[in-house]
N, C-alpha and C. Protein backbone atom coordinates (compact mmCIF):
# COMPACT_ATOMS: atom_id res chain seq x y z
N GLN A 1 6.57 19.34 22.67
CA GLN A 1 6.00 18.21 21.98
C GLN A 1 4.95 17.54 22.84
N GLY A 2 5.23 17.31 24.10
CA GLY A 2 4.29 16.58 24.94
C GLY A 2 4.40 15.10 24.67
N TRP A 3 3.96 14.32 25.61
CA TRP A 3 4.04 12.87 25.47
C TRP A 3 2.67 12.32 25.18
N GLU A 4 2.60 11.35 24.32
CA GLU A 4 1.36 10.69 23.97
C GLU A 4 1.49 9.21 24.32
N SER A 5 0.43 8.63 24.83
CA SER A 5 0.47 7.20 25.10
C SER A 5 0.28 6.45 23.80
N ALA A 6 0.89 5.30 23.73
CA ALA A 6 0.77 4.44 22.55
C ALA A 6 0.03 3.17 22.95
N THR A 7 -0.41 2.43 21.98
CA THR A 7 -1.11 1.18 22.27
C THR A 7 -0.10 0.06 22.52
N GLU A 8 -0.53 -0.92 23.27
CA GLU A 8 0.30 -2.12 23.47
C GLU A 8 0.51 -2.81 22.13
N ASN A 9 -0.50 -2.73 21.26
CA ASN A 9 -0.40 -3.35 19.95
C ASN A 9 0.76 -2.76 19.16
N LEU A 10 0.90 -1.45 19.18
CA LEU A 10 2.02 -0.81 18.48
C LEU A 10 3.34 -1.22 19.12
N TYR A 11 3.41 -1.12 20.44
CA TYR A 11 4.64 -1.43 21.15
C TYR A 11 5.10 -2.86 20.86
N SER A 12 4.18 -3.80 20.95
CA SER A 12 4.55 -5.20 20.77
C SER A 12 4.80 -5.57 19.30
N SER A 13 4.41 -4.69 18.37
CA SER A 13 4.65 -4.98 16.96
C SER A 13 6.10 -4.73 16.54
N PHE A 14 6.86 -4.02 17.37
CA PHE A 14 8.27 -3.77 17.07
C PHE A 14 9.10 -5.01 17.35
N ASN A 15 10.05 -5.30 16.51
CA ASN A 15 11.04 -6.33 16.77
C ASN A 15 11.91 -5.83 17.93
N ALA A 16 12.26 -6.71 18.84
CA ALA A 16 13.06 -6.31 20.01
C ALA A 16 14.40 -5.71 19.62
N ASN A 17 14.91 -6.06 18.44
CA ASN A 17 16.20 -5.54 17.96
C ASN A 17 16.07 -4.24 17.16
N ASP A 18 14.86 -3.74 17.00
CA ASP A 18 14.63 -2.55 16.19
C ASP A 18 15.19 -1.33 16.93
N ALA A 19 16.19 -0.69 16.34
CA ALA A 19 16.84 0.47 16.96
C ALA A 19 15.89 1.65 17.14
N ARG A 20 14.77 1.65 16.44
CA ARG A 20 13.80 2.75 16.57
C ARG A 20 13.01 2.66 17.87
N LEU A 21 12.81 1.45 18.38
CA LEU A 21 11.95 1.25 19.55
C LEU A 21 12.36 2.09 20.75
N PRO A 22 13.62 2.03 21.21
CA PRO A 22 13.96 2.82 22.40
C PRO A 22 13.98 4.34 22.17
N VAL A 23 13.98 4.75 20.93
CA VAL A 23 13.97 6.17 20.61
C VAL A 23 12.53 6.69 20.51
N VAL A 24 11.64 5.83 20.05
CA VAL A 24 10.26 6.23 19.78
C VAL A 24 9.33 5.97 20.97
N LEU A 25 9.43 4.79 21.56
CA LEU A 25 8.51 4.39 22.63
C LEU A 25 9.28 4.02 23.89
N LYS A 26 8.78 4.46 25.03
CA LYS A 26 9.44 4.16 26.31
C LYS A 26 8.40 3.78 27.35
N ARG A 27 8.83 2.94 28.28
CA ARG A 27 8.01 2.58 29.43
C ARG A 27 8.51 3.26 30.70
N SER A 28 9.63 3.97 30.55
CA SER A 28 10.15 4.76 31.67
C SER A 28 11.07 5.83 31.10
N VAL A 29 11.34 6.82 31.92
CA VAL A 29 12.27 7.87 31.52
C VAL A 29 13.11 8.24 32.73
N THR A 30 14.39 8.46 32.48
CA THR A 30 15.30 8.90 33.54
C THR A 30 15.63 10.36 33.27
N TYR A 31 15.29 11.21 34.23
CA TYR A 31 15.56 12.64 34.09
C TYR A 31 17.03 12.92 34.41
N GLN A 32 17.48 14.12 34.06
CA GLN A 32 18.88 14.49 34.28
C GLN A 32 19.28 14.46 35.74
N ASP A 33 18.31 14.65 36.64
CA ASP A 33 18.65 14.61 38.07
C ASP A 33 18.69 13.18 38.61
N GLY A 34 18.46 12.19 37.73
CA GLY A 34 18.54 10.79 38.12
C GLY A 34 17.21 10.17 38.51
N THR A 35 16.17 10.97 38.67
CA THR A 35 14.87 10.38 39.01
C THR A 35 14.31 9.63 37.81
N VAL A 36 13.61 8.55 38.12
CA VAL A 36 13.04 7.70 37.08
C VAL A 36 11.53 7.71 37.21
N LYS A 37 10.87 7.90 36.09
CA LYS A 37 9.41 7.83 36.07
C LYS A 37 9.02 6.61 35.25
N GLN A 38 8.26 5.70 35.86
CA GLN A 38 7.78 4.49 35.20
C GLN A 38 6.37 4.74 34.65
N PHE A 39 6.07 4.11 33.55
CA PHE A 39 4.75 4.24 32.94
C PHE A 39 4.08 2.87 32.85
N ALA A 40 2.79 2.82 33.06
CA ALA A 40 2.04 1.56 32.96
C ALA A 40 1.89 1.12 31.51
N GLU A 41 2.03 2.05 30.60
CA GLU A 41 1.90 1.75 29.18
C GLU A 41 3.00 2.48 28.43
N PRO A 42 3.25 2.11 27.19
CA PRO A 42 4.30 2.81 26.43
C PRO A 42 3.87 4.23 26.08
N TYR A 43 4.86 5.11 26.08
CA TYR A 43 4.64 6.50 25.67
C TYR A 43 5.56 6.83 24.50
N VAL A 44 5.07 7.73 23.65
CA VAL A 44 5.85 8.18 22.50
C VAL A 44 6.77 9.30 22.95
N PHE A 45 8.06 9.13 22.70
CA PHE A 45 9.07 10.14 23.06
C PHE A 45 9.83 10.62 21.83
N LYS A 46 9.27 10.40 20.69
CA LYS A 46 9.92 10.76 19.44
C LYS A 46 10.19 12.26 19.41
N TYR A 47 11.34 12.62 18.97
CA TYR A 47 11.78 14.02 18.81
C TYR A 47 12.03 14.75 20.12
N TRP A 48 12.04 14.06 21.24
CA TRP A 48 12.31 14.74 22.50
C TRP A 48 13.82 14.90 22.64
N ASP A 49 14.26 16.11 22.66
CA ASP A 49 15.66 16.44 22.90
C ASP A 49 15.81 16.65 24.39
N GLN A 50 16.27 15.62 25.09
CA GLN A 50 16.30 15.64 26.55
C GLN A 50 17.27 16.69 27.10
N GLU A 51 18.31 17.01 26.35
CA GLU A 51 19.23 18.04 26.82
C GLU A 51 18.64 19.44 26.68
N ALA A 52 17.99 19.70 25.55
CA ALA A 52 17.43 21.03 25.31
C ALA A 52 16.17 21.28 26.15
N GLU A 53 15.42 20.24 26.40
CA GLU A 53 14.18 20.37 27.17
C GLU A 53 14.11 19.22 28.18
N PRO A 54 14.83 19.36 29.30
CA PRO A 54 14.96 18.25 30.26
C PRO A 54 13.65 17.72 30.82
N LYS A 55 12.64 18.56 30.96
CA LYS A 55 11.38 18.10 31.53
C LYS A 55 10.43 17.52 30.48
N GLY A 56 10.73 17.74 29.21
CA GLY A 56 9.88 17.21 28.15
C GLY A 56 8.56 17.93 28.00
N ASN A 57 8.50 19.18 28.46
CA ASN A 57 7.24 19.92 28.41
C ASN A 57 6.94 20.51 27.04
N SER A 58 7.97 20.95 26.33
CA SER A 58 7.77 21.58 25.03
C SER A 58 9.07 21.50 24.26
N THR A 59 9.02 21.89 23.01
CA THR A 59 10.22 21.86 22.19
C THR A 59 10.13 22.92 21.10
N ASP A 60 11.29 23.37 20.69
CA ASP A 60 11.38 24.27 19.54
C ASP A 60 11.88 23.52 18.31
N ALA A 61 11.88 22.19 18.39
CA ALA A 61 12.39 21.38 17.29
C ALA A 61 11.55 21.61 16.03
N ILE A 62 12.21 21.56 14.91
CA ILE A 62 11.55 21.66 13.62
C ILE A 62 11.36 20.24 13.13
N PHE A 63 10.12 19.88 12.88
CA PHE A 63 9.82 18.51 12.46
C PHE A 63 9.86 18.41 10.94
N PRO A 64 10.50 17.40 10.43
CA PRO A 64 10.60 17.26 8.97
C PRO A 64 9.24 16.96 8.34
N ALA A 65 8.98 17.56 7.20
CA ALA A 65 7.74 17.30 6.48
C ALA A 65 7.84 15.99 5.70
N ILE A 66 9.04 15.70 5.24
CA ILE A 66 9.27 14.47 4.49
C ILE A 66 10.70 14.02 4.80
N ARG A 67 10.87 12.71 4.91
CA ARG A 67 12.18 12.18 5.28
C ARG A 67 12.67 11.19 4.24
N THR A 68 13.96 10.94 4.24
CA THR A 68 14.55 10.01 3.29
C THR A 68 13.92 8.63 3.40
N ALA A 69 13.65 8.18 4.61
CA ALA A 69 13.01 6.87 4.79
C ALA A 69 11.68 6.80 4.05
N GLU A 70 10.95 7.90 4.03
CA GLU A 70 9.67 7.91 3.32
C GLU A 70 9.89 7.71 1.82
N MET A 71 10.92 8.32 1.28
CA MET A 71 11.20 8.15 -0.15
C MET A 71 11.51 6.69 -0.48
N TYR A 72 12.30 6.05 0.39
CA TYR A 72 12.61 4.63 0.17
C TYR A 72 11.36 3.76 0.26
N LEU A 73 10.49 4.03 1.22
CA LEU A 73 9.28 3.22 1.37
C LEU A 73 8.29 3.47 0.24
N ILE A 74 8.20 4.72 -0.23
CA ILE A 74 7.35 5.01 -1.38
C ILE A 74 7.84 4.22 -2.59
N LYS A 75 9.14 4.20 -2.78
CA LYS A 75 9.72 3.47 -3.91
C LYS A 75 9.43 1.97 -3.78
N ALA A 76 9.64 1.39 -2.61
CA ALA A 76 9.39 -0.03 -2.40
C ALA A 76 7.92 -0.36 -2.64
N GLU A 77 7.04 0.48 -2.10
CA GLU A 77 5.60 0.27 -2.26
C GLU A 77 5.20 0.35 -3.73
N ALA A 78 5.67 1.37 -4.42
CA ALA A 78 5.30 1.57 -5.83
C ALA A 78 5.81 0.45 -6.72
N LEU A 79 7.06 0.08 -6.56
CA LEU A 79 7.63 -0.98 -7.40
C LEU A 79 6.92 -2.32 -7.15
N ASN A 80 6.58 -2.59 -5.91
CA ASN A 80 5.85 -3.81 -5.58
C ASN A 80 4.47 -3.80 -6.25
N ALA A 81 3.79 -2.65 -6.22
CA ALA A 81 2.45 -2.55 -6.80
C ALA A 81 2.50 -2.64 -8.33
N ILE A 82 3.42 -1.92 -8.93
CA ILE A 82 3.51 -1.90 -10.40
C ILE A 82 3.82 -3.28 -10.95
N ASN A 83 4.71 -4.00 -10.28
CA ASN A 83 5.17 -5.29 -10.78
C ASN A 83 4.47 -6.48 -10.14
N GLN A 84 3.48 -6.20 -9.28
CA GLN A 84 2.74 -7.26 -8.56
C GLN A 84 3.69 -8.20 -7.83
N GLY A 85 4.75 -7.63 -7.31
CA GLY A 85 5.73 -8.36 -6.52
C GLY A 85 6.98 -7.51 -6.40
N PRO A 86 7.80 -7.77 -5.40
CA PRO A 86 8.98 -6.94 -5.18
C PRO A 86 10.07 -7.17 -6.23
N THR A 87 10.57 -6.07 -6.75
CA THR A 87 11.71 -6.11 -7.67
C THR A 87 12.99 -5.98 -6.84
N PRO A 88 14.16 -6.24 -7.45
CA PRO A 88 15.42 -6.02 -6.70
C PRO A 88 15.54 -4.58 -6.19
N ASP A 89 15.06 -3.59 -6.96
CA ASP A 89 15.12 -2.20 -6.49
C ASP A 89 14.18 -1.96 -5.31
N ALA A 90 13.02 -2.63 -5.30
CA ALA A 90 12.09 -2.50 -4.17
C ALA A 90 12.73 -3.08 -2.91
N VAL A 91 13.40 -4.20 -3.05
CA VAL A 91 14.07 -4.83 -1.91
C VAL A 91 15.21 -3.94 -1.41
N LYS A 92 15.98 -3.36 -2.33
CA LYS A 92 17.06 -2.44 -1.93
C LYS A 92 16.51 -1.25 -1.15
N ALA A 93 15.38 -0.73 -1.62
CA ALA A 93 14.79 0.45 -0.97
C ALA A 93 14.36 0.12 0.46
N ILE A 94 13.67 -0.98 0.66
CA ILE A 94 13.21 -1.30 2.01
C ILE A 94 14.38 -1.71 2.90
N LYS A 95 15.40 -2.30 2.30
CA LYS A 95 16.59 -2.66 3.09
C LYS A 95 17.27 -1.42 3.65
N LYS A 96 17.26 -0.31 2.92
CA LYS A 96 17.85 0.94 3.42
C LYS A 96 17.21 1.34 4.75
N VAL A 97 15.89 1.23 4.81
CA VAL A 97 15.16 1.60 6.03
C VAL A 97 15.41 0.58 7.13
N ARG A 98 15.33 -0.69 6.79
CA ARG A 98 15.51 -1.76 7.78
C ARG A 98 16.95 -1.81 8.29
N ASP A 99 17.92 -1.60 7.42
CA ASP A 99 19.32 -1.62 7.85
C ASP A 99 19.59 -0.52 8.88
N ARG A 100 19.04 0.67 8.65
CA ARG A 100 19.23 1.77 9.59
C ARG A 100 18.60 1.44 10.94
N ALA A 101 17.53 0.64 10.91
CA ALA A 101 16.85 0.25 12.15
C ALA A 101 17.50 -0.97 12.80
N GLY A 102 18.55 -1.51 12.14
CA GLY A 102 19.25 -2.67 12.70
C GLY A 102 18.52 -3.98 12.50
N LEU A 103 17.66 -4.05 11.49
CA LEU A 103 16.87 -5.24 11.25
C LEU A 103 17.40 -6.04 10.08
N ALA A 104 17.33 -7.35 10.19
CA ALA A 104 17.75 -8.23 9.10
C ALA A 104 16.75 -8.14 7.96
N SER A 105 17.24 -8.27 6.75
CA SER A 105 16.37 -8.22 5.57
C SER A 105 16.59 -9.45 4.70
N ASP A 106 17.15 -10.50 5.28
CA ASP A 106 17.51 -11.70 4.51
C ASP A 106 16.28 -12.46 4.01
N ASN A 107 15.23 -12.48 4.78
CA ASN A 107 14.07 -13.32 4.45
C ASN A 107 12.82 -12.51 4.16
N LEU A 108 12.97 -11.45 3.39
CA LEU A 108 11.80 -10.66 3.01
C LEU A 108 10.91 -11.48 2.08
N PRO A 109 9.60 -11.32 2.19
CA PRO A 109 8.69 -12.06 1.30
C PRO A 109 8.96 -11.72 -0.16
N THR A 110 8.76 -12.68 -1.01
CA THR A 110 8.99 -12.49 -2.45
C THR A 110 7.67 -12.36 -3.22
N ASP A 111 6.54 -12.46 -2.52
CA ASP A 111 5.25 -12.32 -3.18
C ASP A 111 4.68 -10.92 -2.92
N TYR A 112 3.74 -10.51 -3.75
CA TYR A 112 3.16 -9.17 -3.68
C TYR A 112 2.56 -8.87 -2.31
N GLU A 113 1.64 -9.71 -1.84
CA GLU A 113 0.93 -9.45 -0.58
C GLU A 113 1.88 -9.48 0.62
N GLY A 114 2.79 -10.44 0.64
CA GLY A 114 3.73 -10.53 1.76
C GLY A 114 4.63 -9.32 1.85
N PHE A 115 5.15 -8.89 0.70
CA PHE A 115 6.04 -7.72 0.68
C PHE A 115 5.26 -6.46 1.05
N LYS A 116 4.02 -6.35 0.56
CA LYS A 116 3.16 -5.21 0.88
C LYS A 116 2.97 -5.11 2.39
N LYS A 117 2.75 -6.25 3.03
CA LYS A 117 2.55 -6.27 4.48
C LYS A 117 3.80 -5.78 5.22
N VAL A 118 4.98 -6.19 4.75
CA VAL A 118 6.24 -5.75 5.37
C VAL A 118 6.41 -4.24 5.18
N VAL A 119 6.10 -3.73 4.01
CA VAL A 119 6.22 -2.29 3.75
C VAL A 119 5.27 -1.52 4.66
N LEU A 120 4.04 -2.00 4.83
CA LEU A 120 3.08 -1.31 5.69
C LEU A 120 3.56 -1.29 7.14
N GLU A 121 4.17 -2.38 7.60
CA GLU A 121 4.71 -2.41 8.96
C GLU A 121 5.88 -1.44 9.11
N GLU A 122 6.69 -1.32 8.07
CA GLU A 122 7.79 -0.35 8.13
C GLU A 122 7.26 1.08 8.20
N TYR A 123 6.23 1.39 7.42
CA TYR A 123 5.58 2.70 7.53
C TYR A 123 5.11 2.91 8.97
N ARG A 124 4.48 1.90 9.54
CA ARG A 124 3.92 2.00 10.90
C ARG A 124 5.01 2.31 11.93
N HIS A 125 6.14 1.64 11.81
CA HIS A 125 7.21 1.82 12.79
C HIS A 125 8.04 3.07 12.54
N GLU A 126 8.24 3.40 11.31
CA GLU A 126 9.08 4.55 10.96
C GLU A 126 8.40 5.88 11.25
N PHE A 127 7.08 5.94 11.08
CA PHE A 127 6.39 7.23 11.13
C PHE A 127 5.42 7.35 12.30
N VAL A 128 5.76 6.76 13.43
CA VAL A 128 4.92 6.86 14.63
C VAL A 128 4.68 8.34 14.94
N MET A 129 3.43 8.72 15.10
CA MET A 129 3.01 10.07 15.47
C MET A 129 3.45 11.15 14.47
N GLU A 130 3.59 10.77 13.21
CA GLU A 130 3.93 11.76 12.19
C GLU A 130 2.76 12.05 11.25
N GLY A 131 1.58 11.52 11.57
CA GLY A 131 0.39 11.83 10.79
C GLY A 131 0.23 11.04 9.51
N HIS A 132 0.91 9.91 9.39
CA HIS A 132 0.84 9.11 8.16
C HIS A 132 -0.17 7.97 8.23
N ARG A 133 -0.36 7.40 9.40
CA ARG A 133 -1.02 6.10 9.54
C ARG A 133 -2.41 6.04 8.90
N TRP A 134 -3.25 7.02 9.17
CA TRP A 134 -4.61 6.98 8.64
C TRP A 134 -4.59 6.94 7.12
N PHE A 135 -3.75 7.76 6.51
CA PHE A 135 -3.67 7.80 5.06
C PHE A 135 -3.10 6.50 4.50
N ASP A 136 -2.12 5.92 5.19
CA ASP A 136 -1.56 4.65 4.75
C ASP A 136 -2.61 3.54 4.80
N LEU A 137 -3.35 3.47 5.90
CA LEU A 137 -4.38 2.43 6.04
C LEU A 137 -5.46 2.58 4.98
N ARG A 138 -5.84 3.80 4.68
CA ARG A 138 -6.84 4.04 3.63
C ARG A 138 -6.29 3.64 2.27
N ARG A 139 -5.09 4.09 1.96
CA ARG A 139 -4.49 3.80 0.66
C ARG A 139 -4.33 2.31 0.43
N TRP A 140 -4.02 1.58 1.49
CA TRP A 140 -3.77 0.15 1.36
C TRP A 140 -5.05 -0.67 1.47
N GLY A 141 -6.18 0.00 1.68
CA GLY A 141 -7.45 -0.71 1.72
C GLY A 141 -7.67 -1.55 2.96
N VAL A 142 -7.01 -1.22 4.06
CA VAL A 142 -7.17 -2.01 5.29
C VAL A 142 -7.75 -1.19 6.44
N ALA A 143 -8.15 0.04 6.18
CA ALA A 143 -8.67 0.91 7.25
C ALA A 143 -9.91 0.32 7.91
N LEU A 144 -10.78 -0.31 7.13
CA LEU A 144 -12.02 -0.87 7.69
C LEU A 144 -11.73 -2.04 8.62
N GLU A 145 -10.58 -2.70 8.45
CA GLU A 145 -10.20 -3.81 9.32
C GLU A 145 -9.46 -3.33 10.57
N VAL A 146 -8.63 -2.30 10.41
CA VAL A 146 -7.71 -1.89 11.47
C VAL A 146 -8.30 -0.84 12.42
N LEU A 147 -9.05 0.11 11.90
CA LEU A 147 -9.46 1.26 12.70
C LEU A 147 -10.61 1.04 13.68
N PRO A 148 -11.63 0.24 13.36
CA PRO A 148 -12.71 0.08 14.35
C PRO A 148 -12.20 -0.61 15.61
N GLY A 149 -12.78 -0.24 16.72
CA GLY A 149 -12.41 -0.90 17.97
C GLY A 149 -12.37 0.06 19.14
N ASP A 150 -12.01 -0.47 20.28
CA ASP A 150 -11.97 0.33 21.50
C ASP A 150 -10.81 1.30 21.50
N VAL A 151 -11.05 2.49 22.03
CA VAL A 151 -10.03 3.53 22.20
C VAL A 151 -9.86 3.73 23.70
N TYR A 152 -8.60 3.69 24.15
CA TYR A 152 -8.30 3.79 25.58
C TYR A 152 -7.60 5.10 25.89
N GLY A 153 -7.85 5.62 27.08
CA GLY A 153 -7.20 6.84 27.54
C GLY A 153 -5.88 6.52 28.22
N ILE A 154 -5.22 7.54 28.72
CA ILE A 154 -3.89 7.36 29.32
C ILE A 154 -3.94 6.57 30.61
N THR A 155 -5.10 6.45 31.21
CA THR A 155 -5.22 5.67 32.45
C THR A 155 -5.50 4.20 32.16
N GLY A 156 -5.69 3.87 30.88
CA GLY A 156 -6.00 2.50 30.52
C GLY A 156 -7.50 2.22 30.48
N ARG A 157 -8.30 3.22 30.79
CA ARG A 157 -9.75 3.07 30.78
C ARG A 157 -10.28 3.24 29.36
N ARG A 158 -11.21 2.35 28.97
CA ARG A 158 -11.81 2.46 27.64
C ARG A 158 -12.64 3.73 27.57
N LEU A 159 -12.37 4.56 26.55
CA LEU A 159 -13.08 5.82 26.39
C LEU A 159 -14.29 5.68 25.48
N VAL A 160 -14.10 4.96 24.39
CA VAL A 160 -15.15 4.88 23.38
C VAL A 160 -14.83 3.70 22.46
N THR A 161 -15.83 3.20 21.82
CA THR A 161 -15.62 2.21 20.76
C THR A 161 -15.73 2.95 19.44
N ARG A 162 -14.62 2.97 18.72
CA ARG A 162 -14.58 3.72 17.45
C ARG A 162 -15.26 2.90 16.36
N VAL A 163 -16.16 3.56 15.65
CA VAL A 163 -16.83 2.96 14.50
C VAL A 163 -16.21 3.60 13.26
N PHE A 164 -15.84 2.77 12.33
CA PHE A 164 -15.25 3.27 11.09
C PHE A 164 -15.91 2.51 9.95
N THR A 165 -16.59 3.24 9.06
CA THR A 165 -17.36 2.61 7.99
C THR A 165 -16.87 3.09 6.63
N GLU A 166 -17.46 2.54 5.59
CA GLU A 166 -17.12 2.94 4.21
C GLU A 166 -17.23 4.46 4.03
N LYS A 167 -18.22 5.06 4.66
CA LYS A 167 -18.43 6.51 4.57
C LYS A 167 -17.17 7.26 5.01
N ASP A 168 -16.46 6.71 5.98
CA ASP A 168 -15.30 7.40 6.55
C ASP A 168 -14.05 7.31 5.68
N LEU A 169 -14.11 6.54 4.60
CA LEU A 169 -12.95 6.42 3.72
C LEU A 169 -12.74 7.68 2.88
N LEU A 170 -13.81 8.41 2.63
CA LEU A 170 -13.73 9.65 1.85
C LEU A 170 -14.33 10.79 2.65
N TRP A 171 -13.77 11.95 2.51
CA TRP A 171 -14.35 13.13 3.14
C TRP A 171 -15.44 13.67 2.22
N PRO A 172 -16.37 14.45 2.77
CA PRO A 172 -17.40 15.02 1.92
C PRO A 172 -16.84 16.16 1.06
N VAL A 173 -17.43 16.33 -0.10
CA VAL A 173 -17.12 17.52 -0.89
C VAL A 173 -17.83 18.67 -0.17
N PRO A 174 -17.12 19.75 0.16
CA PRO A 174 -17.76 20.86 0.89
C PRO A 174 -18.99 21.38 0.16
N GLY A 175 -20.04 21.65 0.93
CA GLY A 175 -21.30 22.14 0.35
C GLY A 175 -21.12 23.38 -0.49
N VAL A 176 -20.26 24.28 -0.07
CA VAL A 176 -20.04 25.52 -0.82
C VAL A 176 -19.46 25.21 -2.21
N GLU A 177 -18.67 24.15 -2.32
CA GLU A 177 -18.10 23.78 -3.63
C GLU A 177 -19.19 23.20 -4.53
N ILE A 178 -20.11 22.44 -3.94
CA ILE A 178 -21.22 21.88 -4.72
C ILE A 178 -22.15 22.99 -5.17
N GLU A 179 -22.34 24.01 -4.31
CA GLU A 179 -23.16 25.17 -4.71
C GLU A 179 -22.53 25.91 -5.88
N ARG A 180 -21.22 26.03 -5.86
CA ARG A 180 -20.51 26.72 -6.95
C ARG A 180 -20.51 25.90 -8.23
N ASN A 181 -20.49 24.56 -8.07
CA ASN A 181 -20.41 23.68 -9.23
C ASN A 181 -21.32 22.48 -9.01
N PRO A 182 -22.58 22.57 -9.44
CA PRO A 182 -23.53 21.48 -9.23
C PRO A 182 -23.12 20.17 -9.90
N ASP A 183 -22.19 20.23 -10.86
CA ASP A 183 -21.73 19.00 -11.51
C ASP A 183 -20.96 18.09 -10.56
N LEU A 184 -20.63 18.59 -9.37
CA LEU A 184 -19.94 17.77 -8.37
C LEU A 184 -20.90 16.80 -7.68
N LYS A 185 -22.22 16.97 -7.91
CA LYS A 185 -23.20 16.07 -7.32
C LYS A 185 -23.13 14.72 -8.02
N PRO A 186 -23.43 13.65 -7.35
CA PRO A 186 -23.72 13.54 -5.93
C PRO A 186 -22.43 13.62 -5.11
N ASN A 187 -22.59 13.92 -3.83
CA ASN A 187 -21.43 13.98 -2.94
C ASN A 187 -20.87 12.57 -2.78
N ASN A 188 -19.74 12.47 -2.11
CA ASN A 188 -19.15 11.15 -1.87
C ASN A 188 -20.13 10.27 -1.11
N PRO A 189 -20.02 8.94 -1.28
CA PRO A 189 -20.98 8.01 -0.67
C PRO A 189 -21.13 8.26 0.83
N GLY A 190 -22.42 8.33 1.25
CA GLY A 190 -22.72 8.51 2.66
C GLY A 190 -22.80 9.98 3.09
N TRP A 191 -22.44 10.90 2.20
CA TRP A 191 -22.39 12.31 2.57
C TRP A 191 -23.47 13.14 1.87
N ASN A 192 -24.47 12.50 1.29
CA ASN A 192 -25.52 13.24 0.57
C ASN A 192 -26.46 13.93 1.52
């Protein structure tokens, strides 16, 4: 699997009582021989089977394509959107995910936008490094707010300032497809 560094923003967004935090992100690791390696920033350790692969160099683990938590969050998101606010079934669905993470669900927002924000944060915490985030941010219409900014390397040095514009919300229709079917013109905005 290899280890990936995470942002401080992601790390600090977790509730201290969230049972997912110590499984997903770590600031240190203790190897089987007792040696401890400290990290200056949080690292993603999701799916690392420390017994099967003590050094954390690789894994033969099979990663799930879809998980039960995703089904609950899809349900909560959909019911909130359809009804312009959370229904009792939407609350039950998100509680399933939050209960497993050891989080209280007593004071969930009862308005559409507030509940939507909680669902998006649950997606963020539940699916770290599972390839969901970009699609979630696009679907929720917040990619233009969240994605632009500085990108840092594992040493903490700024590598680049990421620019993300309206053009980046859609991929281009491949040129070969437009050649086969001219009715696909014009291409998506910004890709002409």
